[in-house]
Amino acid sequence: MTWMEWALLGFLSVIWGGSFFFNGVAVRSLPPFTIV
């Protein structure tokens, strides 16, 4: 793999993991009907 492919893979993993992180923050801090 080239360095560009590694960079894109790293960027995708940050976006993918960030969505789970922010979902966890939203569940703890906001009421359920606000999230939906």
C-alpha atoms as a PDB file:
ATOM      1  CA  MET A   1       0.000   0.000   0.000  1.00  0.00           C
ATOM      2  CA  THR A   2       1.190   3.495  -0.741  1.00  0.00           C
ATOM      3  CA  TRP A   3       1.395   6.243   1.862  1.00  0.00           C
ATOM      4  CA  MET A   4      -1.714   7.880   0.369  1.00  0.00           C
ATOM      5  CA  GLU A   5      -3.762   4.712   0.855  1.00  0.00           C
ATOM      6  CA  TRP A   6      -2.524   4.453   4.458  1.00  0.00           C
ATOM      7  CA  ALA A   7      -3.490   8.097   5.047  1.00  0.00           C
ATOM      8  CA  LEU A   8      -6.971   7.544   3.617  1.00  0.00           C
ATOM      9  CA  LEU A   9      -7.395   4.412   5.723  1.00  0.00           C
ATOM     10  CA  GLY A  10      -6.351   6.331   8.840  1.00  0.00           C
ATOM     11  CA  PHE A  11      -8.726   9.174   8.003  1.00  0.00           C
ATOM     12  CA  LEU A  12     -11.593   6.739   7.484  1.00  0.00           C
ATOM     13  CA  SER A  13     -10.878   5.027  10.802  1.00  0.00           C
ATOM     14  CA  VAL A  14     -10.919   8.382  12.629  1.00  0.00           C
ATOM     15  CA  ILE A  15     -14.278   9.276  11.075  1.00  0.00           C
ATOM     16  CA  TRP A  16     -15.700   5.806  11.784  1.00  0.00           C
ATOM     17  CA  GLY A  17     -14.500   5.744  15.396  1.00  0.00           C
ATOM     18  CA  GLY A  18     -15.526   9.350  15.967  1.00  0.00           C
ATOM     19  CA  SER A  19     -19.125   8.577  15.105  1.00  0.00           C
ATOM     20  CA  PHE A  20     -19.296   5.962  17.872  1.00  0.00           C
ATOM     21  CA  PHE A  21     -17.585   8.320  20.314  1.00  0.00           C
ATOM     22  CA  PHE A  22     -19.986  11.196  19.624  1.00  0.00           C
ATOM     23  CA  ASN A  23     -22.986   8.862  19.779  1.00  0.00           C
ATOM     24  CA  GLY A  24     -21.857   7.830  23.251  1.00  0.00           C
ATOM     25  CA  VAL A  25     -21.525  11.466  24.309  1.00  0.00           C
ATOM     26  CA  ALA A  26     -24.949  12.320  22.889  1.00  0.00           C
ATOM     27  CA  VAL A  27     -26.646   9.397  24.650  1.00  0.00           C
ATOM     28  CA  ARG A  28     -25.242  10.462  28.022  1.00  0.00           C
ATOM     29  CA  SER A  29     -25.930  14.198  27.705  1.00  0.00           C
ATOM     30  CA  LEU A  30     -29.171  14.532  25.711  1.00  0.00           C
ATOM     31  CA  PRO A  31     -32.649  13.134  26.224  1.00  0.00           C
ATOM     32  CA  PRO A  32     -33.634  10.362  23.758  1.00  0.00           C
ATOM     33  CA  PHE A  33     -36.252  12.373  21.856  1.00  0.00           C
ATOM     34  CA  THR A  34     -33.744  15.142  21.131  1.00  0.00           C
ATOM     35  CA  ILE A  35     -31.370  12.687  19.455  1.00  0.00           C
ATOM     36  CA  VAL A  36     -34.089  11.147  17.292  1.00  0.00           C
END
